[in-house]
C-alpha atoms as a PDB file:
ATOM      1  CA  MET A   1      41.680   9.168   9.033  1.00  0.00           C
ATOM      2  CA  THR A   2      38.958   8.906   6.382  1.00  0.00           C
ATOM      3  CA  ILE A   3      39.226   6.459   3.480  1.00  0.00           C
ATOM      4  CA  ASP A   4      39.040   8.305   0.147  1.00  0.00           C
ATOM      5  CA  ASN A   5      39.675   7.387  -3.489  1.00  0.00           C
ATOM      6  CA  ASN A   6      43.334   8.426  -3.352  1.00  0.00           C
ATOM      7  CA  PHE A   7      44.039   6.201  -0.357  1.00  0.00           C
ATOM      8  CA  LEU A   8      42.161   3.279  -1.936  1.00  0.00           C
ATOM      9  CA  GLU A   9      44.299   3.606  -5.054  1.00  0.00           C
ATOM     10  CA  LEU A  10      47.399   3.685  -2.870  1.00  0.00           C
ATOM     11  CA  ILE A  11      46.633   0.455  -1.010  1.00  0.00           C
ATOM     12  CA  SER A  12      45.097  -1.512  -3.908  1.00  0.00           C
ATOM     13  CA  HIS A  13      46.925  -4.049  -6.079  1.00  0.00           C
ATOM     14  CA  ASP A  14      45.439  -4.692  -9.541  1.00  0.00           C
ATOM     15  CA  ASP A  15      42.385  -2.784  -8.315  1.00  0.00           C
ATOM     16  CA  LYS A  16      41.871  -5.302  -5.515  1.00  0.00           C
ATOM     17  CA  LEU A  17      42.333  -5.554  -1.763  1.00  0.00           C
ATOM     18  CA  ASN A  18      43.454  -8.753  -0.087  1.00  0.00           C
ATOM     19  CA  LYS A  19      41.548 -10.583   2.647  1.00  0.00           C
ATOM     20  CA  GLU A  20      43.211  -8.936   5.668  1.00  0.00           C
ATOM     21  CA  GLN A  21      42.846  -5.452   4.162  1.00  0.00           C
ATOM     22  CA  LEU A  22      39.117  -6.084   3.708  1.00  0.00           C
ATOM     23  CA  ASN A  23      38.989  -7.473   7.247  1.00  0.00           C
ATOM     24  CA  ILE A  24      40.525  -4.292   8.652  1.00  0.00           C
ATOM     25  CA  LEU A  25      37.905  -2.243   6.807  1.00  0.00           C
ATOM     26  CA  GLY A  26      35.068  -4.494   7.972  1.00  0.00           C
ATOM     27  CA  ILE A  27      34.172  -5.569   4.428  1.00  0.00           C
ATOM     28  CA  HIS A  28      33.082  -9.109   3.493  1.00  0.00           C
ATOM     29  CA  PRO A  29      35.724 -10.945   1.393  1.00  0.00           C
ATOM     30  CA  ASP A  30      33.111 -11.717  -1.309  1.00  0.00           C
ATOM     31  CA  SER A  31      32.055  -8.104  -1.743  1.00  0.00           C
ATOM     32  CA  ILE A  32      32.052  -6.927  -5.354  1.00  0.00           C
ATOM     33  CA  ASN A  33      31.694  -3.270  -4.416  1.00  0.00           C
ATOM     34  CA  PHE A  34      34.467  -2.923  -1.863  1.00  0.00           C
ATOM     35  CA  LYS A  35      35.264   0.617  -3.027  1.00  0.00           C
ATOM     36  CA  GLU A  36      31.744   1.873  -2.316  1.00  0.00           C
ATOM     37  CA  GLU A  37      31.787   0.161   1.078  1.00  0.00           C
ATOM     38  CA  ALA A  38      35.235   1.508   1.966  1.00  0.00           C
ATOM     39  CA  LEU A  39      34.760   5.152   0.983  1.00  0.00           C
ATOM     40  CA  GLY A  40      34.116   7.371   3.967  1.00  0.00           C
ATOM     41  CA  LYS A  41      35.136   4.795   6.566  1.00  0.00           C
ATOM     42  CA  GLU A  42      37.164   6.057   9.515  1.00  0.00           C
ATOM     43  CA  VAL A  43      40.292   4.127  10.478  1.00  0.00           C
ATOM     44  CA  SER A  44      43.063   4.853  12.944  1.00  0.00           C
ATOM     45  CA  ARG A  45      46.412   6.111  11.668  1.00  0.00           C
ATOM     46  CA  ASN A  46      47.987   2.818  12.731  1.00  0.00           C
ATOM     47  CA  ASP A  47      45.433   0.821  10.756  1.00  0.00           C
ATOM     48  CA  GLY A  48      46.072   3.126   7.783  1.00  0.00           C
ATOM     49  CA  ASN A  49      49.765   2.274   7.987  1.00  0.00           C
ATOM     50  CA  LEU A  50      48.909  -1.419   8.213  1.00  0.00           C
ATOM     51  CA  LEU A  51      46.683  -1.212   5.135  1.00  0.00           C
ATOM     52  CA  MET A  52      49.645   0.170   3.185  1.00  0.00           C
ATOM     53  CA  LEU A  53      52.006  -2.528   4.471  1.00  0.00           C
ATOM     54  CA  LEU A  54      49.550  -5.216   3.383  1.00  0.00           C
ATOM     55  CA  LYS A  55      49.383  -3.970  -0.209  1.00  0.00           C
ATOM     56  CA  GLY A  56      49.997  -6.657  -2.806  1.00  0.00           C
ATOM     57  CA  LYS A  57      48.986 -10.122  -3.941  1.00  0.00           C
ATOM     58  CA  LEU A  58      50.044 -11.884  -0.746  1.00  0.00           C
ATOM     59  CA  ALA A  59      49.274 -15.335   0.573  1.00  0.00           C
ATOM     60  CA  LEU A  60      47.054 -15.276   3.657  1.00  0.00           C
ATOM     61  CA  THR A  61      49.915 -16.566   5.807  1.00  0.00           C
ATOM     62  CA  ALA A  62      52.073 -13.672   4.597  1.00  0.00           C
ATOM     63  CA  GLN A  63      49.303 -11.181   5.398  1.00  0.00           C
ATOM     64  CA  LYS A  64      48.995 -12.521   8.942  1.00  0.00           C
ATOM     65  CA  GLN A  65      52.765 -12.412   9.392  1.00  0.00           C
ATOM     66  CA  ILE A  66      52.882  -8.755   8.327  1.00  0.00           C
ATOM     67  CA  ILE A  67      50.255  -7.947  10.960  1.00  0.00           C
ATOM     68  CA  LYS A  68      52.221  -9.786  13.656  1.00  0.00           C
ATOM     69  CA  ASN A  69      55.430  -8.029  12.631  1.00  0.00           C
ATOM     70  CA  TYR A  70      53.711  -4.656  12.724  1.00  0.00           C
ATOM     71  CA  HIS A  71      52.583  -5.261  16.299  1.00  0.00           C
ATOM     72  CA  MET A  72      56.106  -6.326  17.201  1.00  0.00           C
ATOM     73  CA  VAL A  73      57.411  -2.990  15.873  1.00  0.00           C
ATOM     74  CA  LEU A  74      54.787  -1.066  17.845  1.00  0.00           C
ATOM     75  CA  ASP A  75      55.593  -2.973  21.027  1.00  0.00           C
ATOM     76  CA  PHE A  76      59.346  -2.523  20.545  1.00  0.00           C
ATOM     77  CA  ASN A  77      58.914   1.240  20.177  1.00  0.00           C
ATOM     78  CA  ASN A  78      56.439   1.451  23.068  1.00  0.00           C
ATOM     79  CA  ILE A  79      53.721   2.736  20.755  1.00  0.00           C
ATOM     80  CA  LYS A  80      50.224   2.276  22.109  1.00  0.00           C
ATOM     81  CA  ALA A  81      48.392  -0.131  19.801  1.00  0.00           C
ATOM     82  CA  THR A  82      44.862   0.999  20.588  1.00  0.00           C
ATOM     83  CA  ASN A  83      42.408   0.430  17.713  1.00  0.00           C
ATOM     84  CA  VAL A  84      44.967  -1.487  15.677  1.00  0.00           C
ATOM     85  CA  HIS A  85      43.689  -4.500  13.781  1.00  0.00           C
ATOM     86  CA  LYS A  86      44.808  -7.834  15.212  1.00  0.00           C
ATOM     87  CA  THR A  87      44.688 -11.258  13.618  1.00  0.00           C
ATOM     88  CA  LYS A  88      42.483 -13.408  15.790  1.00  0.00           C
ATOM     89  CA  GLU A  89      42.992 -17.119  16.287  1.00  0.00           C
ATOM     90  CA  ILE A  90      39.422 -18.331  16.629  1.00  0.00           C
ATOM     91  CA  THR A  91      39.002 -21.621  18.443  1.00  0.00           C
ATOM     92  CA  LYS A  92      35.309 -21.466  19.208  1.00  0.00           C
ATOM     93  CA  LYS A  93      32.621 -19.070  18.075  1.00  0.00           C
ATOM     94  CA  GLU A  94      30.788 -17.721  21.057  1.00  0.00           C
ATOM     95  CA  PRO A  95      27.300 -16.384  20.364  1.00  0.00           C
ATOM     96  CA  GLN A  96      26.847 -12.674  20.823  1.00  0.00           C
ATOM     97  CA  VAL A  97      24.449 -11.466  23.458  1.00  0.00           C
ATOM     98  CA  GLU A  98      21.382 -10.139  21.723  1.00  0.00           C
ATOM     99  CA  GLU A  99      19.975  -6.884  23.006  1.00  0.00           C
ATOM    100  CA  LYS A 100      16.262  -7.106  23.651  1.00  0.00           C
ATOM    101  CA  PRO A 101      13.833  -4.461  24.881  1.00  0.00           C
ATOM    102  CA  ASP A 102      12.190  -4.761  28.268  1.00  0.00           C
ATOM    103  CA  ILE A 103       8.994  -6.471  27.211  1.00  0.00           C
ATOM    104  CA  ASP A 104       5.655  -5.095  28.323  1.00  0.00           C
ATOM    105  CA  GLU A 105       2.953  -7.345  26.889  1.00  0.00           C
ATOM    106  CA  ASN A 106       0.570  -4.381  26.795  1.00  0.00           C
ATOM    107  CA  HIS A 107       2.712  -2.903  24.028  1.00  0.00           C
ATOM    108  CA  GLU A 108       4.156  -4.423  20.892  1.00  0.00           C
ATOM    109  CA  TYR A 109       7.899  -4.494  20.274  1.00  0.00           C
ATOM    110  CA  VAL A 110       8.796  -5.483  16.727  1.00  0.00           C
ATOM    111  CA  ARG A 111      12.257  -6.573  15.639  1.00  0.00           C
ATOM    112  CA  ILE A 112      12.959  -7.527  12.026  1.00  0.00           C
ATOM    113  CA  TYR A 113      16.105  -9.370  10.979  1.00  0.00           C
ATOM    114  CA  CYS A 114      16.890  -9.457   7.269  1.00  0.00           C
ATOM    115  CA  ASP A 115      19.611 -11.225   5.301  1.00  0.00           C
ATOM    116  CA  GLY A 116      20.647 -12.195   1.796  1.00  0.00           C
ATOM    117  CA  ALA A 117      22.511 -15.190   0.404  1.00  0.00           C
ATOM    118  CA  CYS A 118      24.178 -15.969  -2.896  1.00  0.00           C
ATOM    119  CA  SER A 119      25.552 -19.222  -4.291  1.00  0.00           C
ATOM    120  CA  GLY A 120      28.430 -17.756  -6.270  1.00  0.00           C
ATOM    121  CA  ASN A 121      28.755 -14.014  -6.663  1.00  0.00           C
ATOM    122  CA  PRO A 122      27.067 -13.410  -9.038  1.00  0.00           C
ATOM    123  CA  GLY A 123      24.961 -16.529  -8.787  1.00  0.00           C
ATOM    124  CA  LYS A 124      21.670 -17.874  -7.490  1.00  0.00           C
ATOM    125  CA  ALA A 125      20.464 -15.539  -4.760  1.00  0.00           C
ATOM    126  CA  GLY A 126      17.680 -15.231  -2.217  1.00  0.00           C
ATOM    127  CA  SER A 127      16.516 -13.206   0.779  1.00  0.00           C
ATOM    128  CA  GLY A 128      15.136 -14.084   4.181  1.00  0.00           C
ATOM    129  CA  LEU A 129      13.577 -12.426   7.230  1.00  0.00           C
ATOM    130  CA  ALA A 130      12.783 -13.243  10.838  1.00  0.00           C
ATOM    131  CA  ILE A 131      10.131 -11.005  12.406  1.00  0.00           C
ATOM    132  CA  TYR A 132       9.790 -10.948  16.183  1.00  0.00           C
ATOM    133  CA  SER A 133       6.869  -9.518  18.127  1.00  0.00           C
ATOM    134  CA  ASN A 134       7.644  -9.341  21.846  1.00  0.00           C
ATOM    135  CA  ASP A 135       8.885 -12.766  23.006  1.00  0.00           C
ATOM    136  CA  ARG A 136       6.731 -14.824  20.673  1.00  0.00           C
ATOM    137  CA  ASN A 137       8.310 -17.193  18.156  1.00  0.00           C
ATOM    138  CA  PRO A 138       9.391 -15.271  15.059  1.00  0.00           C
ATOM    139  CA  VAL A 139       7.545 -15.261  11.766  1.00  0.00           C
ATOM    140  CA  LEU A 140       9.905 -16.436   9.016  1.00  0.00           C
ATOM    141  CA  LEU A 141       9.797 -15.313   5.394  1.00  0.00           C
ATOM    142  CA  TYR A 142      11.790 -16.456   2.374  1.00  0.00           C
ATOM    143  CA  GLY A 143      11.726 -15.199  -1.211  1.00  0.00           C
ATOM    144  CA  LYS A 144      12.994 -12.871  -3.944  1.00  0.00           C
ATOM    145  CA  TYR A 145      14.887 -15.613  -5.798  1.00  0.00           C
ATOM    146  CA  GLU A 146      17.242 -14.382  -8.515  1.00  0.00           C
ATOM    147  CA  GLU A 147      18.896 -16.729 -10.984  1.00  0.00           C
ATOM    148  CA  ASN A 148      21.766 -14.308 -11.540  1.00  0.00           C
ATOM    149  CA  GLY A 149      21.946 -12.128  -8.440  1.00  0.00           C
ATOM    150  CA  THR A 150      24.685 -10.925  -6.104  1.00  0.00           C
ATOM    151  CA  ASN A 151      25.198 -10.788  -2.361  1.00  0.00           C
ATOM    152  CA  ASN A 152      24.435  -7.080  -2.434  1.00  0.00           C
ATOM    153  CA  THR A 153      21.171  -7.369  -4.394  1.00  0.00           C
ATOM    154  CA  ALA A 154      20.016 -10.128  -2.048  1.00  0.00           C
ATOM    155  CA  GLU A 155      20.816  -7.972   0.984  1.00  0.00           C
ATOM    156  CA  LEU A 156      19.044  -4.959  -0.515  1.00  0.00           C
ATOM    157  CA  ASN A 157      15.964  -7.028  -1.381  1.00  0.00           C
ATOM    158  CA  ALA A 158      15.838  -8.284   2.201  1.00  0.00           C
ATOM    159  CA  LEU A 159      16.179  -4.783   3.648  1.00  0.00           C
ATOM    160  CA  LEU A 160      13.497  -3.443   1.290  1.00  0.00           C
ATOM    161  CA  GLN A 161      11.102  -6.157   2.453  1.00  0.00           C
ATOM    162  CA  ALA A 162      11.888  -5.304   6.083  1.00  0.00           C
ATOM    163  CA  LEU A 163      11.079  -1.651   5.382  1.00  0.00           C
ATOM    164  CA  THR A 164       7.844  -2.697   3.651  1.00  0.00           C
ATOM    165  CA  ILE A 165       6.789  -4.736   6.674  1.00  0.00           C
ATOM    166  CA  ALA A 166       7.673  -1.878   9.028  1.00  0.00           C
ATOM    167  CA  ASN A 167       5.608   0.491   6.901  1.00  0.00           C
ATOM    168  CA  GLU A 168       2.584  -1.788   7.231  1.00  0.00           C
ATOM    169  CA  THR A 169       3.050  -2.382  10.967  1.00  0.00           C
ATOM    170  CA  HIS A 170       1.280  -0.206  13.497  1.00  0.00           C
ATOM    171  CA  SER A 171       3.313   0.079  16.670  1.00  0.00           C
ATOM    172  CA  GLU A 172       3.617   2.733  19.363  1.00  0.00           C
ATOM    173  CA  ASN A 173       7.275   1.792  19.766  1.00  0.00           C
ATOM    174  CA  ILE A 174      10.210   2.157  17.419  1.00  0.00           C
ATOM    175  CA  ILE A 175      10.502  -0.820  15.057  1.00  0.00           C
ATOM    176  CA  SER A 176      14.041  -2.204  14.983  1.00  0.00           C
ATOM    177  CA  ILE A 177      15.503  -3.565  11.740  1.00  0.00           C
ATOM    178  CA  PHE A 178      18.749  -5.553  11.837  1.00  0.00           C
ATOM    179  CA  SER A 179      21.023  -6.341   8.888  1.00  0.00           C
ATOM    180  CA  ASP A 180      24.560  -7.737   8.685  1.00  0.00           C
ATOM    181  CA  SER A 181      25.174  -5.817   5.436  1.00  0.00           C
ATOM    182  CA  LYS A 182      26.842  -2.462   5.986  1.00  0.00           C
ATOM    183  CA  TYR A 183      26.618  -1.931   2.227  1.00  0.00           C
ATOM    184  CA  SER A 184      22.817  -2.104   2.076  1.00  0.00           C
ATOM    185  CA  ILE A 185      22.379  -0.005   5.224  1.00  0.00           C
ATOM    186  CA  ASP A 186      24.758   2.705   3.977  1.00  0.00           C
ATOM    187  CA  CYS A 187      23.180   2.721   0.518  1.00  0.00           C
ATOM    188  CA  ILE A 188      19.730   3.436   1.918  1.00  0.00           C
ATOM    189  CA  THR A 189      20.462   5.603   4.945  1.00  0.00           C
ATOM    190  CA  THR A 190      23.606   7.533   3.960  1.00  0.00           C
ATOM    191  CA  TRP A 191      24.952   7.377   0.425  1.00  0.00           C
ATOM    192  CA  ALA A 192      21.552   7.791  -1.240  1.00  0.00           C
ATOM    193  CA  TYR A 193      21.295  11.398  -0.062  1.00  0.00           C
ATOM    194  CA  GLY A 194      24.457  12.411  -1.904  1.00  0.00           C
ATOM    195  CA  TRP A 195      23.587  10.432  -5.026  1.00  0.00           C
ATOM    196  CA  LYS A 196      20.075  11.880  -5.081  1.00  0.00           C
ATOM    197  CA  ALA A 197      21.402  15.443  -4.749  1.00  0.00           C
ATOM    198  CA  LYS A 198      23.536  14.820  -7.839  1.00  0.00           C
ATOM    199  CA  GLY A 199      20.669  13.448  -9.917  1.00  0.00           C
ATOM    200  CA  TRP A 200      21.324   9.855  -8.859  1.00  0.00           C
ATOM    201  CA  THR A 201      24.869   9.872 -10.140  1.00  0.00           C
ATOM    202  CA  LYS A 202      28.197   9.501  -8.448  1.00  0.00           C
ATOM    203  CA  LYS A 203      31.748  10.421  -9.238  1.00  0.00           C
ATOM    204  CA  GLY A 204      33.732   7.558 -10.670  1.00  0.00           C
ATOM    205  CA  GLY A 205      31.086   5.337 -12.257  1.00  0.00           C
ATOM    206  CA  GLU A 206      27.621   3.844 -12.138  1.00  0.00           C
ATOM    207  CA  ILE A 207      25.614   3.237  -9.003  1.00  0.00           C
ATOM    208  CA  LYS A 208      25.066  -0.503  -8.732  1.00  0.00           C
ATOM    209  CA  ASN A 209      21.485  -1.637  -7.962  1.00  0.00           C
ATOM    210  CA  LEU A 210      20.246   1.920  -8.482  1.00  0.00           C
ATOM    211  CA  GLU A 211      16.541   1.236  -9.055  1.00  0.00           C
ATOM    212  CA  LEU A 212      16.367  -0.987  -5.994  1.00  0.00           C
ATOM    213  CA  ILE A 213      18.158   1.640  -3.912  1.00  0.00           C
ATOM    214  CA  LYS A 214      15.783   4.383  -5.105  1.00  0.00           C
ATOM    215  CA  ILE A 215      12.708   2.402  -4.022  1.00  0.00           C
ATOM    216  CA  ALA A 216      14.155   1.436  -0.661  1.00  0.00           C
ATOM    217  CA  HIS A 217      15.441   4.939   0.078  1.00  0.00           C
ATOM    218  CA  GLU A 218      12.066   6.511  -0.725  1.00  0.00           C
ATOM    219  CA  LEU A 219      10.381   4.116   1.691  1.00  0.00           C
ATOM    220  CA  TYR A 220      13.065   4.740   4.321  1.00  0.00           C
ATOM    221  CA  GLU A 221      12.478   8.490   4.050  1.00  0.00           C
ATOM    222  CA  LYS A 222       8.761   7.923   4.552  1.00  0.00           C
ATOM    223  CA  ILE A 223       9.052   5.875   7.748  1.00  0.00           C
ATOM    224  CA  LYS A 224      12.457   6.755   9.210  1.00  0.00           C
ATOM    225  CA  ASN A 225      10.877   8.357  12.272  1.00  0.00           C
ATOM    226  CA  LYS A 226       9.194   5.099  13.287  1.00  0.00           C
ATOM    227  CA  ILE A 227      12.156   2.762  12.726  1.00  0.00           C
ATOM    228  CA  GLU A 228      15.813   2.245  13.563  1.00  0.00           C
ATOM    229  CA  ILE A 229      18.220   0.284  11.379  1.00  0.00           C
ATOM    230  CA  LYS A 230      21.105  -1.439  13.126  1.00  0.00           C
ATOM    231  CA  HIS A 231      24.085  -3.419  11.863  1.00  0.00           C
ATOM    232  CA  VAL A 232      24.757  -6.819  13.414  1.00  0.00           C
ATOM    233  CA  LYS A 233      27.646  -9.173  12.843  1.00  0.00           C
ATOM    234  CA  GLY A 234      26.727 -12.085  10.598  1.00  0.00           C
ATOM    235  CA  HIS A 235      27.201 -15.726  11.589  1.00  0.00           C
ATOM    236  CA  ALA A 236      27.878 -14.727  15.188  1.00  0.00           C
ATOM    237  CA  GLY A 237      25.169 -16.746  16.899  1.00  0.00           C
ATOM    238  CA  ILE A 238      22.498 -14.020  16.969  1.00  0.00           C
ATOM    239  CA  GLU A 239      19.282 -16.006  16.607  1.00  0.00           C
ATOM    240  CA  GLY A 240      17.361 -13.563  14.416  1.00  0.00           C
ATOM    241  CA  ASN A 241      20.276 -13.094  12.029  1.00  0.00           C
ATOM    242  CA  GLU A 242      20.865 -16.860  11.839  1.00  0.00           C
ATOM    243  CA  LEU A 243      17.198 -17.527  11.083  1.00  0.00           C
ATOM    244  CA  ALA A 244      17.108 -14.869   8.360  1.00  0.00           C
ATOM    245  CA  ASP A 245      20.246 -16.414   6.882  1.00  0.00           C
ATOM    246  CA  ARG A 246      18.652 -19.890   6.764  1.00  0.00           C
ATOM    247  CA  MET A 247      15.620 -18.432   5.027  1.00  0.00           C
ATOM    248  CA  ALA A 248      17.783 -16.664   2.445  1.00  0.00           C
ATOM    249  CA  VAL A 249      19.639 -19.898   1.688  1.00  0.00           C
ATOM    250  CA  TYR A 250      16.344 -21.837   1.619  1.00  0.00           C
ATOM    251  CA  THR A 251      15.052 -19.455  -1.050  1.00  0.00           C
ATOM    252  CA  ILE A 252      17.833 -20.599  -3.382  1.00  0.00           C
ATOM    253  CA  LYS A 253      16.449 -24.131  -3.043  1.00  0.00           C
ATOM    254  CA  ALA A 254      12.771 -23.141  -3.242  1.00  0.00           C
ATOM    255  CA  LYS A 255      13.298 -20.596  -6.085  1.00  0.00           C
ATOM    256  CA  ASN A 256      10.235 -18.519  -5.166  1.00  0.00           C
ATOM    257  CA  ASP A 257       9.990 -14.908  -6.322  1.00  0.00           C
ATOM    258  CA  ASN A 258       7.362 -13.678  -3.875  1.00  0.00           C
ATOM    259  CA  PHE A 259       7.996 -13.850  -0.144  1.00  0.00           C
ATOM    260  CA  GLU A 260       6.323 -16.825   1.531  1.00  0.00           C
ATOM    261  CA  PHE A 261       5.859 -17.919   5.140  1.00  0.00           C
ATOM    262  CA  TYR A 262       8.036 -20.758   6.398  1.00  0.00           C
ATOM    263  CA  SER A 263       6.206 -23.197   8.647  1.00  0.00           C
ATOM    264  CA  TYR A 264       8.130 -24.744  11.544  1.00  0.00           C
ATOM    265  CA  ASP A 265       7.643 -26.232  15.006  1.00  0.00           C
ATOM    266  CA  LYS A 266      10.901 -25.428  16.750  1.00  0.00           C
ATOM    267  CA  VAL A 267      13.499 -22.723  16.121  1.00  0.00           C
ATOM    268  CA  GLU A 268      16.229 -25.339  16.507  1.00  0.00           C
ATOM    269  CA  GLU A 269      14.896 -27.164  13.443  1.00  0.00           C
ATOM    270  CA  VAL A 270      15.321 -24.038  11.328  1.00  0.00           C
ATOM    271  CA  LEU A 271      18.811 -23.341  12.675  1.00  0.00           C
ATOM    272  CA  SER A 272      19.835 -26.848  11.596  1.00  0.00           C
ATOM    273  CA  LEU A 273      19.094 -26.008   7.956  1.00  0.00           C
ATOM    274  CA  THR A 274      21.903 -25.355   5.469  1.00  0.00           C
ATOM    275  CA  SER A 275      23.926 -22.155   5.742  1.00  0.00           C
ATOM    276  CA  TYR A 276      26.836 -20.898   3.647  1.00  0.00           C
END
């Protein structure tokens, strides 16, 4: 089933979703634009039922209990629970295996990881990037400090900078851009087409970060045949994503507007820097 405005209104309480509802939809708990991120998502019928059962201002323990009870009902009735959200008890975070191209040193393979960070939401924000060329150590960039930014603006600024770098990079191979923000990816590669067709408006209210989205979408349209944009899970041990995250957080300390190069000796030193 597809998430629409009517279903969002049905499952919301005081115009909000609780943590496990956001988790089911794959939306970060700190998101301030959960409606935009949720609209158009596909969920199973069972997950749709679970979203309705979780409606309300519930303690996290109560949310987890509802999920467990729902699975008990499915099991009791011999209903296959494929694609149903499950509460995971995480004991140790195992790093994800990062997909890398088969490297031929005669050709250049460029991978760009971009990320945003915000201390408070809104709050002090910054963006970071890790740019890989073949198997060489990545080039790290940090910048675009905002005194009163949001997670989403920081993510969009990072993605825009990644697109700018891709535009200026000459490569015979597709340039891969990785972001852990579904919001920023969808804004630029999907939602922008509908908004643009309607004169950059949308039903139900203003388009947040519109000017930034316009610039990034125009650049994406220009170079979309030479790039691919992929979503990666944040804070999952993927080196490029972790490095971009550290750079975004470092920007909040450095408070630099323009993107600057970060000098380092070992990747491990950068990974040991502060993260949120």
